[in-house]
Amino acid sequence: MTVDFVDESNLVTQLDKDMLTNLINFALKEEGIIFNYEVSVSFVNDNEIKELNKMYRGIDKETDVLSFPLIEDFNADFLDHAYPLGDIVISIDQVKEQSKTYNHSFKREIAFLTVHSILHLLGYTHETEEEEKEMFSRQEIILKDFGLERK
């Protein structure tokens, strides 16, 4: 299992990256992912994520996280090699702002966005009320079981 980080801002500590690696591995195990995978996590600023959001989603504004899944068929045999699960892009500006807005730590907010994005990589969506309820429930259970429940 490989998690690669790209952090040109140098605003995410090695301790946070280690925690996120453990969280990603934990979340994927909780979701039944047993094959060898690779995940890429990039930390950017609001301007960079706004450009990506416009380019890939046609939305000309910043967002907190973007997910780019690479697997469509989870029934395929991935046991022989590491399979790229997908890419996650997180706006550190949004992490800082939202941690203040929701009155919790930087660590809790970056963990929340990471789990949210991991679930998107696995095919979860929140287009309908039912899908949103399922996805957000899974997020909270994973974070709670990992020891990062909302207080």
N, C-alpha and C. Protein backbone atom coordinates (compact mmCIF):
# COMPACT_ATOMS: atom_id res chain seq x y z
N MET A 1 0.85 -1.16 0.00
CA MET A 1 0.00 0.00 0.00
C MET A 1 0.90 1.23 0.00
N THR A 2 0.65 2.13 -0.94
CA THR A 2 1.49 3.31 -1.07
C THR A 2 0.63 4.56 -1.08
N VAL A 3 1.02 5.54 -0.28
CA VAL A 3 0.39 6.85 -0.30
C VAL A 3 1.50 7.86 -0.59
N ASP A 4 1.34 8.59 -1.69
CA ASP A 4 2.31 9.60 -2.08
C ASP A 4 1.73 10.98 -1.80
N PHE A 5 2.57 11.88 -1.27
CA PHE A 5 2.13 13.24 -0.98
C PHE A 5 2.90 14.23 -1.85
N VAL A 6 2.18 15.24 -2.32
CA VAL A 6 2.78 16.37 -3.01
C VAL A 6 2.38 17.60 -2.21
N ASP A 7 3.37 18.28 -1.64
CA ASP A 7 3.08 19.44 -0.78
C ASP A 7 4.09 20.54 -1.04
N GLU A 8 3.86 21.29 -2.09
CA GLU A 8 4.77 22.38 -2.42
C GLU A 8 4.64 23.54 -1.44
N SER A 9 3.54 23.58 -0.68
CA SER A 9 3.31 24.66 0.29
C SER A 9 4.12 24.44 1.57
N ASN A 10 4.50 23.19 1.83
CA ASN A 10 5.19 22.83 3.08
C ASN A 10 4.40 23.22 4.31
N LEU A 11 3.08 23.20 4.22
CA LEU A 11 2.22 23.56 5.34
C LEU A 11 1.67 22.35 6.09
N VAL A 12 1.91 21.17 5.56
CA VAL A 12 1.44 19.95 6.20
C VAL A 12 2.65 19.24 6.79
N THR A 13 2.62 19.02 8.10
CA THR A 13 3.76 18.42 8.78
C THR A 13 3.90 16.94 8.43
N GLN A 14 5.08 16.42 8.67
CA GLN A 14 5.30 15.00 8.46
C GLN A 14 4.41 14.17 9.38
N LEU A 15 4.16 14.66 10.60
CA LEU A 15 3.25 13.96 11.52
C LEU A 15 1.85 13.88 10.92
N ASP A 16 1.38 14.98 10.32
CA ASP A 16 0.06 14.96 9.68
C ASP A 16 0.04 14.00 8.49
N LYS A 17 1.10 13.98 7.71
CA LYS A 17 1.18 13.07 6.56
C LYS A 17 1.18 11.62 7.03
N ASP A 18 1.90 11.34 8.11
CA ASP A 18 1.92 9.98 8.66
C ASP A 18 0.53 9.59 9.15
N MET A 19 -0.15 10.53 9.83
CA MET A 19 -1.50 10.26 10.30
C MET A 19 -2.44 10.00 9.13
N LEU A 20 -2.32 10.81 8.07
CA LEU A 20 -3.18 10.62 6.90
C LEU A 20 -2.89 9.30 6.19
N THR A 21 -1.64 8.89 6.14
CA THR A 21 -1.31 7.59 5.56
C THR A 21 -2.00 6.49 6.35
N ASN A 22 -1.89 6.55 7.67
CA ASN A 22 -2.54 5.55 8.53
C ASN A 22 -4.06 5.60 8.37
N LEU A 23 -4.62 6.80 8.27
CA LEU A 23 -6.07 6.96 8.11
C LEU A 23 -6.54 6.39 6.77
N ILE A 24 -5.82 6.67 5.71
CA ILE A 24 -6.18 6.14 4.39
C ILE A 24 -6.15 4.62 4.41
N ASN A 25 -5.08 4.05 4.96
CA ASN A 25 -4.99 2.59 5.04
C ASN A 25 -6.13 2.02 5.89
N PHE A 26 -6.44 2.68 7.00
CA PHE A 26 -7.52 2.25 7.88
C PHE A 26 -8.87 2.31 7.15
N ALA A 27 -9.14 3.45 6.50
CA ALA A 27 -10.42 3.64 5.80
C ALA A 27 -10.60 2.60 4.70
N LEU A 28 -9.56 2.36 3.93
CA LEU A 28 -9.66 1.39 2.84
C LEU A 28 -9.86 -0.03 3.38
N LYS A 29 -9.19 -0.35 4.47
CA LYS A 29 -9.40 -1.66 5.09
C LYS A 29 -10.85 -1.78 5.58
N GLU A 30 -11.36 -0.71 6.20
CA GLU A 30 -12.75 -0.71 6.68
C GLU A 30 -13.74 -0.89 5.54
N GLU A 31 -13.37 -0.42 4.36
CA GLU A 31 -14.24 -0.54 3.18
C GLU A 31 -13.99 -1.83 2.40
N GLY A 32 -13.13 -2.70 2.93
CA GLY A 32 -12.93 -4.01 2.32
C GLY A 32 -11.94 -4.05 1.18
N ILE A 33 -11.13 -3.01 1.06
CA ILE A 33 -10.11 -3.00 -0.01
C ILE A 33 -8.92 -3.81 0.47
N ILE A 34 -8.66 -4.92 -0.21
CA ILE A 34 -7.58 -5.81 0.21
C ILE A 34 -6.45 -5.90 -0.81
N PHE A 35 -6.61 -5.28 -1.96
CA PHE A 35 -5.54 -5.34 -2.95
C PHE A 35 -4.50 -4.26 -2.68
N ASN A 36 -3.34 -4.42 -3.29
CA ASN A 36 -2.25 -3.46 -3.15
C ASN A 36 -2.57 -2.22 -3.98
N TYR A 37 -2.59 -1.06 -3.36
CA TYR A 37 -3.03 0.15 -4.04
C TYR A 37 -2.03 1.29 -3.86
N GLU A 38 -2.21 2.29 -4.70
CA GLU A 38 -1.48 3.55 -4.59
C GLU A 38 -2.50 4.67 -4.56
N VAL A 39 -2.27 5.65 -3.71
CA VAL A 39 -3.11 6.85 -3.63
C VAL A 39 -2.16 8.05 -3.63
N SER A 40 -2.53 9.06 -4.38
CA SER A 40 -1.76 10.30 -4.40
C SER A 40 -2.57 11.40 -3.74
N VAL A 41 -1.92 12.15 -2.83
CA VAL A 41 -2.58 13.27 -2.14
C VAL A 41 -1.75 14.52 -2.38
N SER A 42 -2.38 15.54 -2.97
CA SER A 42 -1.70 16.81 -3.22
C SER A 42 -2.35 17.90 -2.38
N PHE A 43 -1.51 18.73 -1.79
CA PHE A 43 -1.98 19.87 -1.02
C PHE A 43 -1.69 21.13 -1.82
N VAL A 44 -2.72 21.92 -2.06
CA VAL A 44 -2.61 23.11 -2.89
C VAL A 44 -3.27 24.30 -2.18
N ASN A 45 -3.17 25.48 -2.82
CA ASN A 45 -3.87 26.65 -2.28
C ASN A 45 -5.19 26.84 -3.03
N ASP A 46 -5.95 27.84 -2.61
CA ASP A 46 -7.26 28.08 -3.22
C ASP A 46 -7.18 28.39 -4.72
N ASN A 47 -6.17 29.14 -5.13
CA ASN A 47 -6.05 29.47 -6.56
C ASN A 47 -5.85 28.22 -7.41
N GLU A 48 -5.01 27.31 -6.92
CA GLU A 48 -4.73 26.08 -7.67
C GLU A 48 -5.96 25.18 -7.74
N ILE A 49 -6.66 25.03 -6.62
CA ILE A 49 -7.82 24.14 -6.64
C ILE A 49 -8.96 24.76 -7.45
N LYS A 50 -9.03 26.10 -7.46
CA LYS A 50 -10.04 26.78 -8.28
C LYS A 50 -9.80 26.48 -9.76
N GLU A 51 -8.54 26.53 -10.19
CA GLU A 51 -8.21 26.22 -11.58
C GLU A 51 -8.58 24.78 -11.93
N LEU A 52 -8.26 23.84 -11.04
CA LEU A 52 -8.59 22.44 -11.26
C LEU A 52 -10.10 22.22 -11.29
N ASN A 53 -10.81 22.89 -10.39
CA ASN A 53 -12.26 22.76 -10.32
C ASN A 53 -12.91 23.27 -11.62
N LYS A 54 -12.38 24.36 -12.13
CA LYS A 54 -12.90 24.92 -13.39
C LYS A 54 -12.58 23.98 -14.56
N MET A 55 -11.36 23.48 -14.59
CA MET A 55 -10.92 22.63 -15.69
C MET A 55 -11.68 21.30 -15.73
N TYR A 56 -11.85 20.66 -14.59
CA TYR A 56 -12.41 19.31 -14.56
C TYR A 56 -13.91 19.24 -14.26
N ARG A 57 -14.44 20.27 -13.61
CA ARG A 57 -15.85 20.22 -13.25
C ARG A 57 -16.65 21.38 -13.84
N GLY A 58 -15.96 22.33 -14.47
CA GLY A 58 -16.65 23.47 -15.07
C GLY A 58 -17.18 24.44 -14.04
N ILE A 59 -16.65 24.40 -12.82
CA ILE A 59 -17.10 25.29 -11.74
C ILE A 59 -15.96 26.25 -11.42
N ASP A 60 -16.22 27.55 -11.64
CA ASP A 60 -15.18 28.57 -11.51
C ASP A 60 -15.14 29.15 -10.09
N LYS A 61 -14.85 28.28 -9.12
CA LYS A 61 -14.65 28.73 -7.74
C LYS A 61 -13.86 27.68 -6.99
N GLU A 62 -13.27 28.11 -5.88
CA GLU A 62 -12.49 27.17 -5.09
C GLU A 62 -13.42 26.18 -4.39
N THR A 63 -12.84 25.05 -4.05
CA THR A 63 -13.53 24.00 -3.31
C THR A 63 -12.54 23.46 -2.29
N ASP A 64 -13.01 22.62 -1.39
CA ASP A 64 -12.10 22.12 -0.36
C ASP A 64 -11.31 20.89 -0.80
N VAL A 65 -11.94 20.01 -1.59
CA VAL A 65 -11.27 18.79 -2.00
C VAL A 65 -11.80 18.32 -3.35
N LEU A 66 -10.92 17.75 -4.14
CA LEU A 66 -11.30 17.12 -5.41
C LEU A 66 -10.78 15.69 -5.41
N SER A 67 -11.57 14.82 -5.99
CA SER A 67 -11.21 13.40 -6.07
C SER A 67 -11.19 12.96 -7.53
N PHE A 68 -10.17 12.22 -7.89
CA PHE A 68 -10.03 11.73 -9.24
C PHE A 68 -9.83 10.21 -9.21
N PRO A 69 -10.95 9.46 -9.20
CA PRO A 69 -10.84 7.99 -9.13
C PRO A 69 -10.28 7.41 -10.42
N LEU A 70 -9.53 6.32 -10.27
CA LEU A 70 -8.93 5.66 -11.42
C LEU A 70 -9.43 4.24 -11.62
N ILE A 71 -10.16 3.69 -10.66
CA ILE A 71 -10.68 2.32 -10.78
C ILE A 71 -12.17 2.38 -11.05
N GLU A 72 -12.59 1.64 -12.05
CA GLU A 72 -14.02 1.53 -12.33
C GLU A 72 -14.56 0.17 -11.95
N ASP A 73 -13.71 -0.86 -12.02
CA ASP A 73 -14.15 -2.22 -11.75
C ASP A 73 -13.40 -2.77 -10.55
N PHE A 74 -14.06 -2.74 -9.39
CA PHE A 74 -13.42 -3.23 -8.17
C PHE A 74 -13.43 -4.75 -8.08
N ASN A 75 -13.99 -5.42 -9.08
CA ASN A 75 -13.99 -6.88 -9.09
C ASN A 75 -12.79 -7.44 -9.85
N ALA A 76 -12.01 -6.57 -10.47
CA ALA A 76 -10.84 -7.03 -11.21
C ALA A 76 -9.78 -7.58 -10.25
N ASP A 77 -8.86 -8.35 -10.77
CA ASP A 77 -7.81 -8.95 -9.96
C ASP A 77 -6.62 -8.00 -9.88
N PHE A 78 -6.40 -7.42 -8.69
CA PHE A 78 -5.30 -6.48 -8.48
C PHE A 78 -4.22 -7.04 -7.56
N LEU A 79 -4.22 -8.33 -7.35
CA LEU A 79 -3.32 -8.90 -6.36
C LEU A 79 -1.87 -8.95 -6.81
N ASP A 80 -1.60 -8.86 -8.11
CA ASP A 80 -0.24 -9.01 -8.61
C ASP A 80 0.59 -7.72 -8.61
N HIS A 81 -0.05 -6.57 -8.49
CA HIS A 81 0.68 -5.31 -8.55
C HIS A 81 -0.09 -4.22 -7.80
N ALA A 82 0.59 -3.13 -7.50
CA ALA A 82 -0.08 -1.99 -6.87
C ALA A 82 -0.92 -1.28 -7.92
N TYR A 83 -2.18 -1.08 -7.61
CA TYR A 83 -3.08 -0.45 -8.56
C TYR A 83 -3.35 0.98 -8.11
N PRO A 84 -3.21 1.97 -9.03
CA PRO A 84 -3.47 3.36 -8.65
C PRO A 84 -4.97 3.57 -8.41
N LEU A 85 -5.34 3.77 -7.16
CA LEU A 85 -6.73 3.95 -6.78
C LEU A 85 -7.26 5.31 -7.23
N GLY A 86 -6.41 6.34 -7.13
CA GLY A 86 -6.83 7.66 -7.57
C GLY A 86 -6.02 8.76 -6.93
N ASP A 87 -6.43 9.98 -7.25
CA ASP A 87 -5.73 11.18 -6.77
C ASP A 87 -6.68 12.03 -5.95
N ILE A 88 -6.14 12.61 -4.89
CA ILE A 88 -6.87 13.51 -4.01
C ILE A 88 -6.15 14.85 -4.03
N VAL A 89 -6.91 15.93 -4.16
CA VAL A 89 -6.33 17.28 -4.11
C VAL A 89 -7.08 18.04 -3.02
N ILE A 90 -6.34 18.55 -2.03
CA ILE A 90 -6.93 19.25 -0.89
C ILE A 90 -6.41 20.68 -0.85
N SER A 91 -7.33 21.63 -0.69
CA SER A 91 -6.94 23.03 -0.52
C SER A 91 -6.62 23.28 0.95
N ILE A 92 -5.35 23.58 1.22
CA ILE A 92 -4.94 23.87 2.59
C ILE A 92 -5.60 25.16 3.09
N ASP A 93 -5.84 26.12 2.18
CA ASP A 93 -6.56 27.34 2.58
C ASP A 93 -7.95 27.00 3.12
N GLN A 94 -8.63 26.07 2.45
CA GLN A 94 -9.96 25.66 2.90
C GLN A 94 -9.90 24.86 4.20
N VAL A 95 -8.87 24.03 4.36
CA VAL A 95 -8.71 23.28 5.61
C VAL A 95 -8.60 24.25 6.78
N LYS A 96 -7.76 25.28 6.63
CA LYS A 96 -7.59 26.26 7.70
C LYS A 96 -8.89 27.00 7.99
N GLU A 97 -9.56 27.46 6.94
CA GLU A 97 -10.80 28.22 7.10
C GLU A 97 -11.91 27.36 7.72
N GLN A 98 -12.09 26.15 7.20
CA GLN A 98 -13.17 25.29 7.68
C GLN A 98 -12.91 24.77 9.09
N SER A 99 -11.66 24.59 9.46
CA SER A 99 -11.39 24.15 10.83
C SER A 99 -11.82 25.24 11.82
N LYS A 100 -11.65 26.49 11.44
CA LYS A 100 -12.13 27.60 12.28
C LYS A 100 -13.65 27.68 12.26
N THR A 101 -14.24 27.57 11.07
CA THR A 101 -15.69 27.65 10.92
C THR A 101 -16.40 26.58 11.74
N TYR A 102 -15.87 25.35 11.69
CA TYR A 102 -16.51 24.22 12.38
C TYR A 102 -15.95 24.00 13.78
N ASN A 103 -15.05 24.88 14.20
CA ASN A 103 -14.50 24.86 15.55
C ASN A 103 -13.86 23.52 15.91
N HIS A 104 -13.04 23.02 15.01
CA HIS A 104 -12.23 21.86 15.34
C HIS A 104 -10.83 22.05 14.76
N SER A 105 -9.98 21.10 15.01
CA SER A 105 -8.57 21.24 14.67
C SER A 105 -8.29 21.09 13.18
N PHE A 106 -7.14 21.60 12.78
CA PHE A 106 -6.62 21.41 11.43
C PHE A 106 -6.55 19.92 11.12
N LYS A 107 -6.06 19.13 12.08
CA LYS A 107 -5.93 17.68 11.92
C LYS A 107 -7.28 17.03 11.64
N ARG A 108 -8.31 17.41 12.38
CA ARG A 108 -9.65 16.82 12.19
C ARG A 108 -10.19 17.19 10.82
N GLU A 109 -10.01 18.44 10.39
CA GLU A 109 -10.55 18.88 9.10
C GLU A 109 -9.84 18.20 7.94
N ILE A 110 -8.53 18.11 7.99
CA ILE A 110 -7.80 17.48 6.89
C ILE A 110 -8.11 15.99 6.85
N ALA A 111 -8.33 15.38 8.01
CA ALA A 111 -8.72 13.97 8.06
C ALA A 111 -10.11 13.78 7.47
N PHE A 112 -11.04 14.65 7.82
CA PHE A 112 -12.40 14.57 7.29
C PHE A 112 -12.39 14.66 5.76
N LEU A 113 -11.67 15.63 5.22
CA LEU A 113 -11.63 15.80 3.77
C LEU A 113 -10.94 14.61 3.09
N THR A 114 -9.96 14.04 3.73
CA THR A 114 -9.27 12.88 3.17
C THR A 114 -10.20 11.68 3.11
N VAL A 115 -10.91 11.40 4.20
CA VAL A 115 -11.85 10.27 4.20
C VAL A 115 -12.96 10.51 3.18
N HIS A 116 -13.46 11.74 3.13
CA HIS A 116 -14.49 12.10 2.15
C HIS A 116 -14.02 11.75 0.73
N SER A 117 -12.80 12.14 0.45
CA SER A 117 -12.25 11.91 -0.89
C SER A 117 -11.97 10.43 -1.14
N ILE A 118 -11.48 9.72 -0.15
CA ILE A 118 -11.26 8.28 -0.30
C ILE A 118 -12.58 7.59 -0.65
N LEU A 119 -13.66 7.96 0.02
CA LEU A 119 -14.95 7.35 -0.28
C LEU A 119 -15.39 7.68 -1.71
N HIS A 120 -15.10 8.90 -2.18
CA HIS A 120 -15.38 9.22 -3.59
C HIS A 120 -14.56 8.31 -4.52
N LEU A 121 -13.30 8.07 -4.18
CA LEU A 121 -12.48 7.19 -5.01
C LEU A 121 -13.07 5.79 -5.09
N LEU A 122 -13.82 5.41 -4.05
CA LEU A 122 -14.44 4.08 -4.01
C LEU A 122 -15.83 4.05 -4.63
N GLY A 123 -16.27 5.19 -5.14
CA GLY A 123 -17.56 5.21 -5.83
C GLY A 123 -18.71 5.82 -5.06
N TYR A 124 -18.48 6.23 -3.82
CA TYR A 124 -19.54 6.90 -3.07
C TYR A 124 -19.81 8.27 -3.68
N THR A 125 -21.07 8.68 -3.66
CA THR A 125 -21.45 10.02 -4.10
C THR A 125 -22.44 10.60 -3.10
N HIS A 126 -22.75 11.86 -3.28
CA HIS A 126 -23.77 12.49 -2.44
C HIS A 126 -24.69 13.36 -3.30
N GLU A 127 -25.07 12.77 -4.44
CA GLU A 127 -25.96 13.46 -5.37
C GLU A 127 -27.40 13.46 -4.87
N THR A 128 -27.79 12.41 -4.16
CA THR A 128 -29.15 12.35 -3.62
C THR A 128 -29.07 12.38 -2.10
N GLU A 129 -30.20 12.63 -1.47
CA GLU A 129 -30.25 12.68 -0.01
C GLU A 129 -29.85 11.33 0.58
N GLU A 130 -30.30 10.25 -0.03
CA GLU A 130 -29.98 8.90 0.45
C GLU A 130 -28.48 8.61 0.33
N GLU A 131 -27.89 8.97 -0.82
CA GLU A 131 -26.45 8.77 -1.02
C GLU A 131 -25.64 9.60 -0.03
N GLU A 132 -26.08 10.84 0.17
CA GLU A 132 -25.38 11.72 1.11
C GLU A 132 -25.42 11.14 2.52
N LYS A 133 -26.58 10.66 2.93
CA LYS A 133 -26.72 10.08 4.27
C LYS A 133 -25.78 8.88 4.44
N GLU A 134 -25.73 8.00 3.43
CA GLU A 134 -24.85 6.84 3.49
C GLU A 134 -23.38 7.25 3.55
N MET A 135 -22.98 8.17 2.67
CA MET A 135 -21.58 8.56 2.59
C MET A 135 -21.13 9.26 3.88
N PHE A 136 -21.93 10.21 4.36
CA PHE A 136 -21.54 10.96 5.54
C PHE A 136 -21.56 10.08 6.78
N SER A 137 -22.44 9.10 6.81
CA SER A 137 -22.46 8.14 7.91
C SER A 137 -21.17 7.33 7.92
N ARG A 138 -20.75 6.84 6.76
CA ARG A 138 -19.50 6.08 6.65
C ARG A 138 -18.30 6.94 7.08
N GLN A 139 -18.29 8.20 6.65
CA GLN A 139 -17.20 9.11 7.03
C GLN A 139 -17.10 9.20 8.54
N GLU A 140 -18.21 9.48 9.19
CA GLU A 140 -18.20 9.67 10.64
C GLU A 140 -17.82 8.40 11.37
N ILE A 141 -18.28 7.25 10.90
CA ILE A 141 -17.92 5.97 11.54
C ILE A 141 -16.42 5.72 11.41
N ILE A 142 -15.88 5.93 10.22
CA ILE A 142 -14.45 5.71 10.00
C ILE A 142 -13.62 6.64 10.88
N LEU A 143 -13.99 7.93 10.90
CA LEU A 143 -13.24 8.89 11.72
C LEU A 143 -13.35 8.56 13.20
N LYS A 144 -14.53 8.17 13.65
CA LYS A 144 -14.73 7.82 15.06
C LYS A 144 -13.89 6.59 15.42
N ASP A 145 -13.96 5.56 14.59
CA ASP A 145 -13.22 4.33 14.86
C ASP A 145 -11.70 4.55 14.79
N PHE A 146 -11.28 5.56 14.03
CA PHE A 146 -9.86 5.90 13.94
C PHE A 146 -9.44 6.78 15.13
N GLY A 147 -10.42 7.32 15.85
CA GLY A 147 -10.12 8.16 17.01
C GLY A 147 -10.19 9.64 16.74
N LEU A 148 -10.88 10.03 15.66
CA LEU A 148 -10.98 11.45 15.31
C LEU A 148 -12.44 11.89 15.18
N GLU A 149 -13.28 11.47 16.12
CA GLU A 149 -14.67 11.87 16.02
C GLU A 149 -14.82 13.36 16.32
N ARG A 150 -15.90 13.90 15.80
CA ARG A 150 -16.18 15.33 16.00
C ARG A 150 -16.63 15.55 17.42
N LYS A 151 -16.11 16.58 18.04
CA LYS A 151 -16.44 16.86 19.44
C LYS A 151 -17.27 18.09 19.58
